[in-house]
């Protein structure tokens, strides 16, 4: 196995792990919305999932990295951070 194939495999595994964590966050937000009267807008997690998927595909296709891949990863992380902060505030309020 050459280094390029190993790099692509590791990118794919990292993407799968991130997707698993996002699905768990999705289920947690959906569970909290159903138990409380507060809306968590858990459907908005589709955006970072799509952005991280696009980043993974771009990185696997062009391992040297492109500014588009870095930009989509940054936007996905920013969106995910805002969602997590919003969810945290909603869950910790009394």
N, C-alpha and C. Protein backbone atom coordinates (compact mmCIF):
# COMPACT_ATOMS: atom_id res chain seq x y z
N UNK A 1 0.86 -1.17 0.00
CA UNK A 1 0.00 0.00 0.00
C UNK A 1 0.90 1.23 0.00
N UNK A 2 0.75 2.05 -0.99
CA UNK A 2 1.58 3.25 -1.06
C UNK A 2 1.00 4.36 -0.17
N UNK A 3 1.74 5.44 -0.02
CA UNK A 3 1.35 6.49 0.90
C UNK A 3 0.09 7.23 0.45
N UNK A 4 -0.13 7.33 -0.86
CA UNK A 4 -1.32 8.01 -1.36
C UNK A 4 -2.58 7.21 -1.01
N UNK A 5 -2.53 5.91 -1.18
CA UNK A 5 -3.68 5.07 -0.84
C UNK A 5 -3.94 5.08 0.66
N UNK A 6 -2.87 5.08 1.44
CA UNK A 6 -3.02 5.15 2.89
C UNK A 6 -3.64 6.49 3.30
N UNK A 7 -3.21 7.57 2.67
CA UNK A 7 -3.77 8.89 2.95
C UNK A 7 -5.26 8.92 2.62
N UNK A 8 -5.63 8.37 1.47
CA UNK A 8 -7.03 8.36 1.09
C UNK A 8 -7.87 7.50 2.03
N UNK A 9 -7.31 6.38 2.48
CA UNK A 9 -8.00 5.53 3.44
C UNK A 9 -8.21 6.24 4.77
N UNK A 10 -7.19 6.93 5.25
CA UNK A 10 -7.31 7.65 6.52
C UNK A 10 -8.29 8.81 6.42
N UNK A 11 -8.31 9.50 5.30
CA UNK A 11 -9.30 10.57 5.09
C UNK A 11 -10.71 9.99 5.12
N UNK A 12 -10.91 8.88 4.45
CA UNK A 12 -12.22 8.23 4.44
C UNK A 12 -12.66 7.77 5.81
N UNK A 13 -11.74 7.18 6.58
CA UNK A 13 -12.08 6.73 7.93
C UNK A 13 -12.37 7.91 8.86
N UNK A 14 -11.62 8.99 8.71
CA UNK A 14 -11.88 10.19 9.51
C UNK A 14 -13.24 10.76 9.18
N UNK A 15 -13.58 10.79 7.90
CA UNK A 15 -14.88 11.29 7.50
C UNK A 15 -16.00 10.42 8.07
N UNK A 16 -15.83 9.09 8.06
CA UNK A 16 -16.84 8.21 8.62
C UNK A 16 -17.01 8.42 10.12
N UNK A 17 -15.91 8.63 10.83
CA UNK A 17 -15.98 8.89 12.27
C UNK A 17 -16.69 10.21 12.55
N UNK A 18 -16.37 11.23 11.78
CA UNK A 18 -17.04 12.52 11.94
C UNK A 18 -18.53 12.40 11.64
N UNK A 19 -18.87 11.64 10.63
CA UNK A 19 -20.28 11.44 10.30
C UNK A 19 -21.00 10.72 11.42
N UNK A 20 -20.36 9.73 12.02
CA UNK A 20 -20.96 9.02 13.15
C UNK A 20 -21.21 9.98 14.32
N UNK A 21 -20.25 10.84 14.61
CA UNK A 21 -20.43 11.81 15.69
C UNK A 21 -21.55 12.80 15.39
N UNK A 22 -21.66 13.22 14.13
CA UNK A 22 -22.74 14.13 13.75
C UNK A 22 -24.10 13.45 13.83
N UNK A 23 -24.17 12.18 13.50
CA UNK A 23 -25.43 11.45 13.63
C UNK A 23 -25.83 11.34 15.10
N UNK A 24 -24.88 11.09 15.97
CA UNK A 24 -25.17 11.03 17.41
C UNK A 24 -25.67 12.39 17.90
N UNK A 25 -25.03 13.48 17.45
CA UNK A 25 -25.48 14.82 17.81
C UNK A 25 -26.87 15.09 17.27
N UNK A 26 -27.14 14.64 16.04
CA UNK A 26 -28.46 14.78 15.43
C UNK A 26 -29.52 14.09 16.30
N UNK A 27 -29.24 12.84 16.71
CA UNK A 27 -30.19 12.10 17.53
C UNK A 27 -30.39 12.73 18.90
N UNK A 28 -29.33 13.25 19.48
CA UNK A 28 -29.43 13.93 20.77
C UNK A 28 -30.30 15.17 20.67
N UNK A 29 -30.09 15.97 19.64
CA UNK A 29 -30.89 17.19 19.46
C UNK A 29 -32.34 16.84 19.17
N UNK A 30 -32.58 15.81 18.39
CA UNK A 30 -33.95 15.40 18.10
C UNK A 30 -34.65 14.88 19.36
N UNK A 31 -33.94 14.12 20.16
CA UNK A 31 -34.48 13.60 21.42
C UNK A 31 -34.84 14.74 22.36
N UNK A 32 -33.95 15.74 22.48
CA UNK A 32 -34.21 16.87 23.36
C UNK A 32 -35.41 17.68 22.86
N UNK A 33 -35.54 17.84 21.56
CA UNK A 33 -36.66 18.60 21.01
C UNK A 33 -37.99 17.89 21.28
N UNK A 34 -37.98 16.59 21.20
CA UNK A 34 -39.22 15.85 21.45
C UNK A 34 -39.60 15.84 22.93
N UNK A 35 -38.62 15.90 23.82
CA UNK A 35 -38.92 15.88 25.25
C UNK A 35 -39.25 17.26 25.81
N UNK A 36 -38.74 18.30 25.21
CA UNK A 36 -38.99 19.65 25.71
C UNK A 36 -39.83 20.40 24.69
N UNK A 37 -40.19 21.61 25.05
CA UNK A 37 -40.98 22.44 24.13
C UNK A 37 -40.08 23.32 23.28
N UNK A 38 -38.78 23.26 23.52
CA UNK A 38 -37.83 24.11 22.79
C UNK A 38 -37.45 23.47 21.46
N UNK A 39 -37.39 24.30 20.43
CA UNK A 39 -36.97 23.82 19.11
C UNK A 39 -35.44 23.86 19.02
N UNK A 40 -34.86 22.75 18.61
CA UNK A 40 -33.40 22.68 18.49
C UNK A 40 -32.93 22.86 17.05
N UNK A 41 -33.84 22.79 16.10
CA UNK A 41 -33.50 22.92 14.67
C UNK A 41 -32.44 21.89 14.27
N UNK A 42 -32.65 20.65 14.68
CA UNK A 42 -31.67 19.60 14.41
C UNK A 42 -31.50 19.33 12.92
N UNK A 43 -32.46 19.72 12.11
CA UNK A 43 -32.34 19.50 10.67
C UNK A 43 -31.25 20.35 10.04
N UNK A 44 -30.82 21.38 10.74
CA UNK A 44 -29.75 22.24 10.22
C UNK A 44 -28.39 21.54 10.22
N UNK A 45 -28.30 20.36 10.82
CA UNK A 45 -27.05 19.61 10.80
C UNK A 45 -26.76 19.01 9.43
N UNK A 46 -27.72 19.07 8.53
CA UNK A 46 -27.49 18.58 7.17
C UNK A 46 -26.42 19.42 6.49
N UNK A 47 -26.38 20.72 6.79
CA UNK A 47 -25.42 21.62 6.14
C UNK A 47 -23.97 21.23 6.47
N UNK A 48 -23.58 21.10 7.76
CA UNK A 48 -22.20 20.69 8.01
C UNK A 48 -21.89 19.28 7.51
N UNK A 49 -22.88 18.40 7.53
CA UNK A 49 -22.65 17.06 6.99
C UNK A 49 -22.31 17.14 5.51
N UNK A 50 -23.05 17.94 4.78
CA UNK A 50 -22.79 18.09 3.35
C UNK A 50 -21.44 18.76 3.10
N UNK A 51 -21.12 19.78 3.89
CA UNK A 51 -19.84 20.47 3.71
C UNK A 51 -18.66 19.57 4.03
N UNK A 52 -18.77 18.78 5.09
CA UNK A 52 -17.68 17.87 5.44
C UNK A 52 -17.57 16.74 4.41
N UNK A 53 -18.69 16.30 3.85
CA UNK A 53 -18.65 15.29 2.79
C UNK A 53 -17.95 15.85 1.56
N UNK A 54 -18.28 17.09 1.20
CA UNK A 54 -17.63 17.72 0.05
C UNK A 54 -16.13 17.87 0.30
N UNK A 55 -15.76 18.23 1.51
CA UNK A 55 -14.34 18.36 1.85
C UNK A 55 -13.62 17.02 1.73
N UNK A 56 -14.25 15.96 2.24
CA UNK A 56 -13.63 14.63 2.17
C UNK A 56 -13.45 14.20 0.72
N UNK A 57 -14.45 14.42 -0.10
CA UNK A 57 -14.36 14.03 -1.51
C UNK A 57 -13.27 14.83 -2.22
N UNK A 58 -13.22 16.14 -1.94
CA UNK A 58 -12.19 16.97 -2.57
C UNK A 58 -10.80 16.57 -2.11
N UNK A 59 -10.65 16.23 -0.84
CA UNK A 59 -9.34 15.86 -0.32
C UNK A 59 -8.90 14.50 -0.84
N UNK A 60 -9.83 13.58 -1.00
CA UNK A 60 -9.48 12.27 -1.56
C UNK A 60 -9.10 12.41 -3.03
N UNK A 61 -9.82 13.26 -3.76
CA UNK A 61 -9.54 13.44 -5.19
C UNK A 61 -8.24 14.20 -5.42
N UNK A 62 -7.96 15.20 -4.60
CA UNK A 62 -6.74 16.00 -4.76
C UNK A 62 -6.03 16.06 -3.41
N UNK A 63 -5.17 15.08 -3.10
CA UNK A 63 -4.55 14.99 -1.77
C UNK A 63 -3.68 16.18 -1.39
N UNK A 64 -3.21 16.96 -2.35
CA UNK A 64 -2.36 18.10 -1.99
C UNK A 64 -3.17 19.22 -1.34
N UNK A 65 -4.48 19.15 -1.42
CA UNK A 65 -5.34 20.13 -0.78
C UNK A 65 -5.57 21.34 -1.67
N UNK A 66 -6.75 21.86 -1.61
CA UNK A 66 -7.09 23.05 -2.38
C UNK A 66 -7.74 24.06 -1.44
N UNK A 67 -7.79 25.29 -1.89
CA UNK A 67 -8.40 26.32 -1.06
C UNK A 67 -9.91 26.09 -0.93
N UNK A 68 -10.51 25.46 -1.94
CA UNK A 68 -11.95 25.16 -1.85
C UNK A 68 -12.21 24.13 -0.75
N UNK A 69 -11.35 23.11 -0.66
CA UNK A 69 -11.51 22.10 0.38
C UNK A 69 -11.33 22.71 1.76
N UNK A 70 -10.34 23.57 1.90
CA UNK A 70 -10.13 24.22 3.19
C UNK A 70 -11.28 25.15 3.54
N UNK A 71 -11.82 25.82 2.53
CA UNK A 71 -12.95 26.73 2.76
C UNK A 71 -14.21 25.99 3.18
N UNK A 72 -14.50 24.86 2.52
CA UNK A 72 -15.68 24.10 2.90
C UNK A 72 -15.52 23.48 4.28
N UNK A 73 -14.32 23.05 4.62
CA UNK A 73 -14.09 22.52 5.96
C UNK A 73 -14.26 23.61 7.02
N UNK A 74 -13.76 24.81 6.72
CA UNK A 74 -13.90 25.92 7.65
C UNK A 74 -15.38 26.29 7.84
N UNK A 75 -16.13 26.38 6.75
CA UNK A 75 -17.55 26.72 6.85
C UNK A 75 -18.34 25.64 7.59
N UNK A 76 -18.02 24.38 7.33
CA UNK A 76 -18.67 23.30 8.05
C UNK A 76 -18.38 23.34 9.54
N UNK A 77 -17.14 23.61 9.89
CA UNK A 77 -16.77 23.71 11.30
C UNK A 77 -17.41 24.90 11.98
N UNK A 78 -17.49 26.01 11.26
CA UNK A 78 -18.12 27.21 11.81
C UNK A 78 -19.61 26.96 12.04
N UNK A 79 -20.28 26.35 11.06
CA UNK A 79 -21.70 26.06 11.19
C UNK A 79 -21.93 25.07 12.34
N UNK A 80 -21.09 24.05 12.44
CA UNK A 80 -21.23 23.06 13.50
C UNK A 80 -20.98 23.67 14.87
N UNK A 81 -20.01 24.57 14.97
CA UNK A 81 -19.74 25.24 16.24
C UNK A 81 -20.93 26.09 16.67
N UNK A 82 -21.51 26.83 15.74
CA UNK A 82 -22.67 27.66 16.06
C UNK A 82 -23.85 26.79 16.49
N UNK A 83 -24.05 25.66 15.81
CA UNK A 83 -25.14 24.77 16.19
C UNK A 83 -24.92 24.19 17.58
N UNK A 84 -23.71 23.74 17.86
CA UNK A 84 -23.41 23.15 19.17
C UNK A 84 -23.58 24.17 20.29
N UNK A 85 -23.16 25.39 20.06
CA UNK A 85 -23.32 26.44 21.06
C UNK A 85 -24.79 26.73 21.30
N UNK A 86 -25.57 26.80 20.23
CA UNK A 86 -27.01 27.04 20.35
C UNK A 86 -27.69 25.89 21.10
N UNK A 87 -27.34 24.66 20.75
CA UNK A 87 -27.93 23.50 21.42
C UNK A 87 -27.54 23.47 22.90
N UNK A 88 -26.31 23.78 23.20
CA UNK A 88 -25.86 23.81 24.59
C UNK A 88 -26.65 24.82 25.39
N UNK A 89 -26.83 26.02 24.83
CA UNK A 89 -27.58 27.06 25.54
C UNK A 89 -29.02 26.64 25.77
N UNK A 90 -29.64 26.01 24.79
CA UNK A 90 -31.02 25.58 24.95
C UNK A 90 -31.15 24.46 25.98
N UNK A 91 -30.17 23.59 26.02
CA UNK A 91 -30.25 22.46 26.95
C UNK A 91 -29.91 22.86 28.38
N UNK A 92 -29.14 23.90 28.58
CA UNK A 92 -28.72 24.29 29.92
C UNK A 92 -29.61 25.36 30.56
N UNK A 93 -30.56 25.91 29.80
CA UNK A 93 -31.47 26.86 30.38
C UNK A 93 -32.49 26.13 31.23
N UNK A 94 -33.00 26.82 32.22
CA UNK A 94 -34.01 26.19 33.08
C UNK A 94 -35.38 26.64 32.71
